[in-house]
Protein backbone atom coordinates (compact mmCIF):
# COMPACT_ATOMS: atom_id res chain seq x y z
CA UNK A 1 -17.31 -14.54 27.26
CA UNK A 2 -14.99 -11.59 26.68
CA UNK A 3 -14.90 -12.39 22.99
CA UNK A 4 -18.63 -11.66 22.85
CA UNK A 5 -19.19 -8.76 25.26
CA UNK A 6 -16.13 -6.85 24.06
CA UNK A 7 -18.27 -5.28 21.32
CA UNK A 8 -20.19 -3.38 24.00
CA UNK A 9 -17.12 -1.13 24.04
CA UNK A 10 -18.35 0.25 20.70
CA UNK A 11 -21.09 2.06 22.62
CA UNK A 12 -18.51 4.20 24.42
CA UNK A 13 -18.29 6.56 21.44
CA UNK A 14 -22.04 7.41 21.32
CA UNK A 15 -22.06 7.59 25.13
CA UNK A 16 -19.29 10.19 24.91
CA UNK A 17 -21.45 11.93 22.32
CA UNK A 18 -24.31 12.28 24.79
CA UNK A 19 -22.01 13.41 27.59
CA UNK A 20 -20.35 15.95 25.33
CA UNK A 21 -23.69 17.58 24.58
CA UNK A 22 -24.75 17.45 28.23
CA UNK A 23 -21.61 18.98 29.72
CA UNK A 24 -20.73 21.35 26.87
CA UNK A 25 -17.62 23.48 27.14
CA UNK A 26 -14.41 21.69 26.20
CA UNK A 27 -16.32 18.41 26.44
CA UNK A 28 -18.53 19.37 23.50
CA UNK A 29 -16.30 17.33 21.19
CA UNK A 30 -17.31 14.18 23.10
CA UNK A 31 -16.81 11.23 20.76
CA UNK A 32 -13.89 12.97 19.02
CA UNK A 33 -11.84 12.49 22.18
CA UNK A 34 -12.62 8.78 22.07
CA UNK A 35 -12.07 8.23 18.37
CA UNK A 36 -9.08 10.43 17.72
CA UNK A 37 -7.36 10.79 21.10
CA UNK A 38 -8.05 7.79 23.35
CA UNK A 39 -7.99 5.05 20.70
CA UNK A 40 -4.82 6.23 18.91
CA UNK A 41 -2.97 6.48 22.23
CA UNK A 42 -4.14 3.10 23.53
CA UNK A 43 -3.41 1.37 20.24
CA UNK A 44 0.25 2.24 20.67
CA UNK A 45 0.47 0.15 23.84
CA UNK A 46 -2.25 -2.49 23.53
CA UNK A 47 -1.41 -5.74 21.74
CA UNK A 48 -2.63 -6.63 18.26
CA UNK A 49 -4.42 -9.88 17.54
CA UNK A 50 -4.30 -11.84 14.30
CA UNK A 51 -6.10 -14.84 15.78
CA UNK A 52 -9.00 -16.37 13.86
CA UNK A 53 -11.95 -18.33 15.19
CA UNK A 54 -12.05 -22.07 14.88
CA UNK A 55 -14.57 -23.51 12.42
CA UNK A 56 -16.81 -24.53 15.34
CA UNK A 57 -16.66 -21.08 16.95
CA UNK A 58 -17.35 -19.39 13.63
CA UNK A 59 -20.40 -21.56 13.02
CA UNK A 60 -21.86 -20.73 16.46
CA UNK A 61 -21.14 -17.01 16.31
CA UNK A 62 -22.53 -16.60 12.82
CA UNK A 63 -26.03 -17.48 14.05
CA UNK A 64 -25.78 -15.90 17.53
CA UNK A 65 -28.52 -13.26 17.80
CA UNK A 66 -26.53 -11.23 20.33
CA UNK A 67 -24.27 -9.78 17.63
CA UNK A 68 -27.23 -8.68 15.50
CA UNK A 69 -29.00 -7.00 18.42
CA UNK A 70 -25.85 -4.98 19.11
CA UNK A 71 -26.20 -3.53 15.62
CA UNK A 72 -29.94 -2.88 15.84
CA UNK A 73 -29.54 -0.89 19.08
CA UNK A 74 -27.54 1.71 17.19
CA UNK A 75 -30.76 3.01 15.63
CA UNK A 76 -32.37 4.39 18.83
CA UNK A 77 -28.95 5.40 20.13
CA UNK A 78 -28.14 7.40 17.00
CA UNK A 79 -31.51 9.05 16.53
CA UNK A 80 -31.72 9.84 20.23
CA UNK A 81 -28.34 11.57 20.05
CA UNK A 82 -29.37 13.59 17.00
CA UNK A 83 -32.60 14.64 18.71
CA UNK A 84 -30.69 15.63 21.85
CA UNK A 85 -28.27 17.65 19.70
CA UNK A 86 -31.11 19.66 18.12
CA UNK A 87 -32.77 20.13 21.51
CA UNK A 88 -29.56 21.50 23.04
CA UNK A 89 -29.05 23.86 20.13
CA UNK A 90 -32.63 25.08 20.45
CA UNK A 91 -31.97 26.19 24.03
CA UNK A 92 -29.30 28.62 22.83
CA UNK A 93 -26.49 30.09 24.90
CA UNK A 94 -23.71 28.03 23.30
CA UNK A 95 -20.35 29.50 22.32
CA UNK A 96 -19.27 29.06 18.72
CA UNK A 97 -16.60 26.53 19.65
CA UNK A 98 -19.21 24.48 21.53
CA UNK A 99 -21.45 24.36 18.48
CA UNK A 100 -18.52 23.31 16.30
CA UNK A 101 -17.54 20.69 18.86
CA UNK A 102 -21.04 19.24 18.97
CA UNK A 103 -21.27 19.11 15.18
CA UNK A 104 -18.01 17.15 15.04
CA UNK A 105 -19.09 15.03 17.99
CA UNK A 106 -22.46 14.01 16.53
CA UNK A 107 -21.01 13.79 13.03
CA UNK A 108 -18.47 11.20 14.12
CA UNK A 109 -21.22 9.06 15.69
CA UNK A 110 -23.19 9.35 12.45
CA UNK A 111 -20.10 8.03 10.68
CA UNK A 112 -19.55 5.12 13.07
CA UNK A 113 -22.87 4.08 14.64
CA UNK A 114 -24.68 5.29 11.54
CA UNK A 115 -22.87 4.67 8.26
CA UNK A 116 -20.53 1.94 9.47
CA UNK A 117 -23.30 -0.11 11.08
CA UNK A 118 -25.59 0.70 8.16
CA UNK A 119 -22.89 -0.69 5.88
CA UNK A 120 -22.79 -3.95 7.83
CA UNK A 121 -26.58 -4.34 7.75
CA UNK A 122 -26.74 -3.31 4.11
CA UNK A 123 -24.76 -6.41 3.20
CA UNK A 124 -27.28 -8.73 4.86
CA UNK A 125 -29.43 -10.89 2.62
CA UNK A 126 -32.84 -10.11 4.16
CA UNK A 127 -34.83 -6.97 3.40
CA UNK A 128 -35.55 -6.24 7.09
CA UNK A 129 -31.90 -5.78 7.99
CA UNK A 130 -31.24 -3.94 4.74
CA UNK A 131 -34.05 -1.52 5.68
CA UNK A 132 -32.44 -0.97 9.08
CA UNK A 133 -29.18 -0.21 7.29
CA UNK A 134 -30.87 2.41 5.14
CA UNK A 135 -32.42 4.01 8.24
CA UNK A 136 -28.91 4.37 9.67
CA UNK A 137 -27.67 5.97 6.44
CA UNK A 138 -30.50 8.54 6.39
CA UNK A 139 -29.10 11.18 8.83
CA UNK A 140 -25.81 11.11 6.89
CA UNK A 141 -27.78 11.99 3.73
CA UNK A 142 -25.84 9.12 2.19
CA UNK A 143 -28.50 6.56 1.36
CA UNK A 144 -27.07 6.13 -2.15
CA UNK A 145 -24.15 4.37 -0.47
CA UNK A 146 -26.34 1.27 -0.21
CA UNK A 147 -26.48 1.05 -4.01
CA UNK A 148 -23.02 2.22 -5.02
CA UNK A 149 -21.12 0.33 -2.34
CA UNK A 150 -22.85 -3.02 -2.82
CA UNK A 151 -23.15 -3.00 -6.61
CA UNK A 152 -20.29 -0.70 -7.59
CA UNK A 153 -17.45 -0.62 -5.06
CA UNK A 154 -17.39 -4.36 -4.40
CA UNK A 155 -17.25 -5.05 -8.13
CA UNK A 156 -14.67 -2.44 -9.12
CA UNK A 157 -12.58 -2.10 -5.93
CA UNK A 158 -8.86 -1.42 -6.48
CA UNK A 159 -9.39 -0.45 -10.12
CA UNK A 160 -9.64 2.96 -11.87
CA UNK A 161 -13.38 2.29 -12.29
CA UNK A 162 -14.00 2.68 -8.54
CA UNK A 163 -14.25 6.23 -7.15
CA UNK A 164 -13.96 4.83 -3.60
CA UNK A 165 -10.47 3.35 -4.18
CA UNK A 166 -7.74 5.92 -3.49
CA UNK A 167 -4.90 6.12 -6.00
CA UNK A 168 -1.21 6.20 -5.19
CA UNK A 169 -0.17 9.80 -4.51
CA UNK A 170 -3.77 11.05 -4.26
CA UNK A 171 -4.40 13.28 -1.26
CA UNK A 172 -7.28 12.68 1.11
CA UNK A 173 -8.84 16.00 0.11
CA UNK A 174 -8.77 15.25 -3.60
CA UNK A 175 -10.16 11.80 -2.87
CA UNK A 176 -13.05 13.27 -0.89
CA UNK A 177 -14.23 15.22 -3.92
CA UNK A 178 -13.78 12.35 -6.36
CA UNK A 179 -15.41 9.71 -4.16
CA UNK A 180 -18.33 11.78 -2.85
CA UNK A 181 -19.49 13.01 -6.26
CA UNK A 182 -18.38 9.92 -8.18
CA UNK A 183 -20.20 7.58 -5.81
CA UNK A 184 -23.44 9.57 -6.02
CA UNK A 185 -23.26 9.67 -9.81
CA UNK A 186 -22.50 5.95 -10.03
CA UNK A 187 -25.48 5.11 -7.81
CA UNK A 188 -27.83 6.84 -10.27
CA UNK A 189 -26.24 4.94 -13.16
CA UNK A 190 -26.39 1.58 -11.40
CA UNK A 191 -30.03 2.02 -10.43
CA UNK A 192 -30.96 3.11 -13.96
CA UNK A 193 -29.24 -0.01 -15.33
CA UNK A 194 -31.13 -2.23 -12.88
CA UNK A 195 -34.48 -0.79 -13.93
CA UNK A 196 -33.75 -1.01 -17.65
CA UNK A 197 -32.72 -4.65 -17.26
CA UNK A 198 -36.01 -5.29 -15.45
CA UNK A 199 -37.97 -3.44 -18.19
CA UNK A 200 -39.15 -0.85 -15.69
CA UNK A 201 -39.28 2.93 -16.19
CA UNK A 202 -36.24 4.75 -14.82
CA UNK A 203 -38.15 7.83 -13.69
CA UNK A 204 -40.66 6.18 -11.39
CA UNK A 205 -41.12 5.30 -7.72
CA UNK A 206 -39.39 2.01 -8.51
CA UNK A 207 -36.14 3.99 -8.76
CA UNK A 208 -34.58 3.64 -5.32
CA UNK A 209 -32.35 6.65 -5.87
CA UNK A 210 -35.44 8.81 -6.37
CA UNK A 211 -36.94 7.39 -3.19
CA UNK A 212 -33.72 8.07 -1.29
CA UNK A 213 -33.78 11.74 -2.31
CA UNK A 214 -37.41 12.04 -1.17
CA UNK A 215 -36.63 10.40 2.18
CA UNK A 216 -33.65 12.69 2.76
CA UNK A 217 -35.60 15.83 1.90
CA UNK A 218 -38.40 14.64 4.19
CA UNK A 219 -35.87 14.12 7.00
CA UNK A 220 -34.47 17.64 6.61
CA UNK A 221 -37.97 19.08 6.36
CA UNK A 222 -38.99 17.31 9.57
CA UNK A 223 -35.96 18.81 11.32
CA UNK A 224 -37.09 22.26 10.21
CA UNK A 225 -40.71 21.69 11.22
CA UNK A 226 -39.86 20.30 14.66
CA UNK A 227 -36.88 22.44 15.69
CA UNK A 228 -36.87 25.53 13.42
CA UNK A 229 -35.81 25.97 9.82
CA UNK A 230 -32.32 27.16 10.60
CA UNK A 231 -31.64 23.76 12.19
CA UNK A 232 -31.50 22.26 8.69
CA UNK A 233 -28.06 23.81 8.33
CA UNK A 234 -26.87 21.95 11.43
CA UNK A 235 -28.45 18.72 10.14
CA UNK A 236 -26.45 19.11 6.95
CA UNK A 237 -23.34 19.92 8.97
CA UNK A 238 -23.43 16.72 11.02
CA UNK A 239 -24.23 14.73 7.87
CA UNK A 240 -21.23 16.12 5.99
CA UNK A 241 -18.89 15.40 8.88
CA UNK A 242 -20.30 11.89 9.09
CA UNK A 243 -19.90 10.98 5.44
CA UNK A 244 -16.44 12.52 5.30
CA UNK A 245 -15.48 10.14 8.09
CA UNK A 246 -16.75 7.29 5.93
CA UNK A 247 -14.79 8.55 2.94
CA UNK A 248 -11.67 8.89 5.10
CA UNK A 249 -12.00 5.21 5.98
CA UNK A 250 -12.52 4.41 2.29
CA UNK A 251 -9.33 6.31 1.54
CA UNK A 252 -7.11 4.29 3.86
CA UNK A 253 -8.77 0.94 3.13
CA UNK A 254 -7.52 0.63 -0.45
CA UNK A 255 -4.98 3.44 -0.84
CA UNK A 256 -2.58 2.73 -3.71
CA UNK A 257 -3.60 -0.91 -4.15
CA UNK A 258 -4.46 -2.05 -7.67
CA UNK A 259 -5.81 -5.19 -9.25
CA UNK A 260 -3.93 -6.39 -12.31
CA UNK A 261 -5.58 -6.01 -15.72
CA UNK A 262 -5.43 -9.43 -17.37
CA UNK A 263 -4.85 -10.12 -21.10
CA UNK A 264 -8.56 -10.90 -21.53
CA UNK A 265 -9.40 -7.31 -20.60
CA UNK A 266 -10.77 -8.18 -17.18
CA UNK A 267 -9.26 -7.42 -13.82
CA UNK A 268 -7.94 -10.20 -11.62
CA UNK A 269 -10.26 -11.43 -8.89
CA UNK A 270 -10.33 -9.46 -5.65
CA UNK A 271 -7.89 -11.02 -3.21
CA UNK A 272 -6.76 -10.31 0.38
CA UNK A 273 -3.94 -8.26 -1.16
CA UNK A 274 -6.33 -5.51 -2.26
CA UNK A 275 -7.34 -4.07 1.13
CA UNK A 276 -5.31 -2.53 3.93
CA UNK A 277 -5.97 -4.24 7.25
CA UNK A 278 -5.26 -3.49 10.88
CA UNK A 279 -5.11 -6.00 13.72
CA UNK A 280 -5.22 -3.28 16.39
CA UNK A 281 -7.97 -4.86 18.44
CA UNK A 282 -9.41 -1.73 20.04
CA UNK A 283 -10.05 -0.11 16.66
CA UNK A 284 -11.48 -3.40 15.41
CA UNK A 285 -14.03 -3.40 18.21
CA UNK A 286 -15.06 0.23 17.79
CA UNK A 287 -15.60 -0.26 14.05
CA UNK A 288 -17.26 -3.68 14.29
CA UNK A 289 -14.28 -5.43 12.69
CA UNK A 290 -14.27 -3.16 9.63
CA UNK A 291 -10.49 -3.17 9.82
CA UNK A 292 -10.46 -6.83 8.74
CA UNK A 293 -11.44 -5.50 5.37
CA UNK A 294 -9.88 -8.13 3.13
CA UNK A 295 -12.21 -10.85 4.33
CA UNK A 296 -15.16 -8.49 3.94
CA UNK A 297 -14.32 -8.09 0.25
CA UNK A 298 -13.68 -11.80 -0.13
CA UNK A 299 -17.22 -12.55 1.07
CA UNK A 300 -19.33 -9.45 1.70
CA UNK A 301 -22.13 -11.34 3.47
CA UNK A 302 -19.78 -12.69 6.17
CA UNK A 303 -20.87 -11.14 9.46
CA UNK A 304 -18.54 -8.81 11.31
CA UNK A 305 -18.02 -11.11 14.31
CA UNK A 306 -16.47 -13.88 12.17
CA UNK A 307 -14.23 -11.87 9.83
CA UNK A 308 -10.78 -13.42 9.44
CA UNK A 309 -7.16 -12.31 9.33
CA UNK A 310 -5.14 -13.21 6.21
CA UNK A 311 -1.35 -13.31 6.41
CA UNK A 312 -1.09 -12.06 2.82
CA UNK A 313 -3.19 -8.96 3.51
CA UNK A 314 -1.19 -5.72 3.60
CA UNK A 315 -1.11 -4.37 7.15
CA UNK A 316 -1.31 -0.69 8.01
CA UNK A 317 1.53 0.58 10.20
CA UNK A 318 -1.14 2.31 12.33
CA UNK A 319 -4.69 1.56 13.39
CA UNK A 320 -7.57 2.96 11.34
CA UNK A 321 -8.27 6.04 13.56
CA UNK A 322 -4.57 6.96 13.70
CA UNK A 323 -4.26 6.38 9.96
CA UNK A 324 -7.09 8.85 9.35
CA UNK A 325 -5.23 11.45 11.41
CA UNK A 326 -2.04 10.81 9.43
CA UNK A 327 -3.90 11.07 6.12
CA UNK A 328 -4.98 14.61 7.03
CA UNK A 329 -1.32 15.57 6.43
CA UNK A 330 -0.63 14.24 2.89
CA UNK A 331 3.22 14.41 3.03
CA UNK A 332 3.18 12.40 6.27
CA UNK A 333 0.76 9.85 4.85
CA UNK A 334 2.76 9.44 1.65
CA UNK A 335 5.96 8.98 3.66
CA UNK A 336 4.29 6.26 5.75
CA UNK A 337 2.56 4.42 2.93
CA UNK A 338 4.12 4.80 -0.51
CA UNK A 339 7.17 2.65 0.14
CA UNK A 340 4.95 -0.07 1.65
CA UNK A 341 2.83 0.00 -1.49
CA UNK A 342 5.87 -0.44 -3.72
CA UNK A 343 6.88 -3.49 -1.68
CA UNK A 344 3.34 -4.83 -1.83
CA UNK A 345 3.25 -4.38 -5.62
CA UNK A 346 6.43 -6.43 -5.91
CA UNK A 347 4.71 -9.48 -4.39
CA UNK A 348 3.18 -12.10 -6.72
CA UNK A 349 -0.36 -11.23 -7.80
CA UNK A 350 -3.26 -13.66 -7.96
CA UNK A 351 -4.53 -14.32 -11.47
């Protein structure tokens, strides 16, 4: 039973988001305390788990509706939190540090309950769940992620062609710029290619990138109409914090790992060696098993609850949240990771 209900723990972060807005003061940072204080501390003392499900368990859990409903519930939770955030701001009387805290607080939930869950649903094969994923990407103003991640990142991961794969010696801050703008540009290119191949006009409503821009402008406009026009700045603020959290995860997931260019001019197939993993179970739960990233790249449609551990996958010395904190200090991150990458590169590669 615990193996199923443990994912309810993921709701602690948005709950802390609500409480942070309600209580204000030093509690304004809400979910930040959970994501970047509580989890990093607990991961130092709690055990890791590399256990995989049996074939029978995997078969049952793959079709269990419970795990899907947990994802769907993030939509009302997220949009309720965003609405509560704007309502609290509209009342006024907040100190500057409280406003900053709430922006970070809500932004982190947008990155986890929003983009991360939207990413999981975006990989599903049915249009209903894909639509739910796009709804979760909307408040991050990052709907293009659905196109670039699925059709670009998964194809070009761990190669120079992928803006979302961090290079050895590249700082987090440089990566943010390259990945944010490179991913947006690639999404336009990928969508234009899709339409040309289908003999459809690029500049039409059939272009999903155009639709995404319209939806995002409509979202910001609705914020201004409902709460006041100056609230659009806060909507952008929480979105930026949210998608920078996503890009920080992107940074640590593939940092310094490269696929070998074969004599035929193609890159070797993606293997478990091309993603950094973490078996810190608390972080796994909070991120819906995103930290078992190698299996996700091996088969992107595999649902989060059945992702597997591979012994050959490179393992981060820290959990994902702690790794993000370390990456904020580039010399510390390089000291932790670069030698591990050199050892990983010395291992036999899959052709």
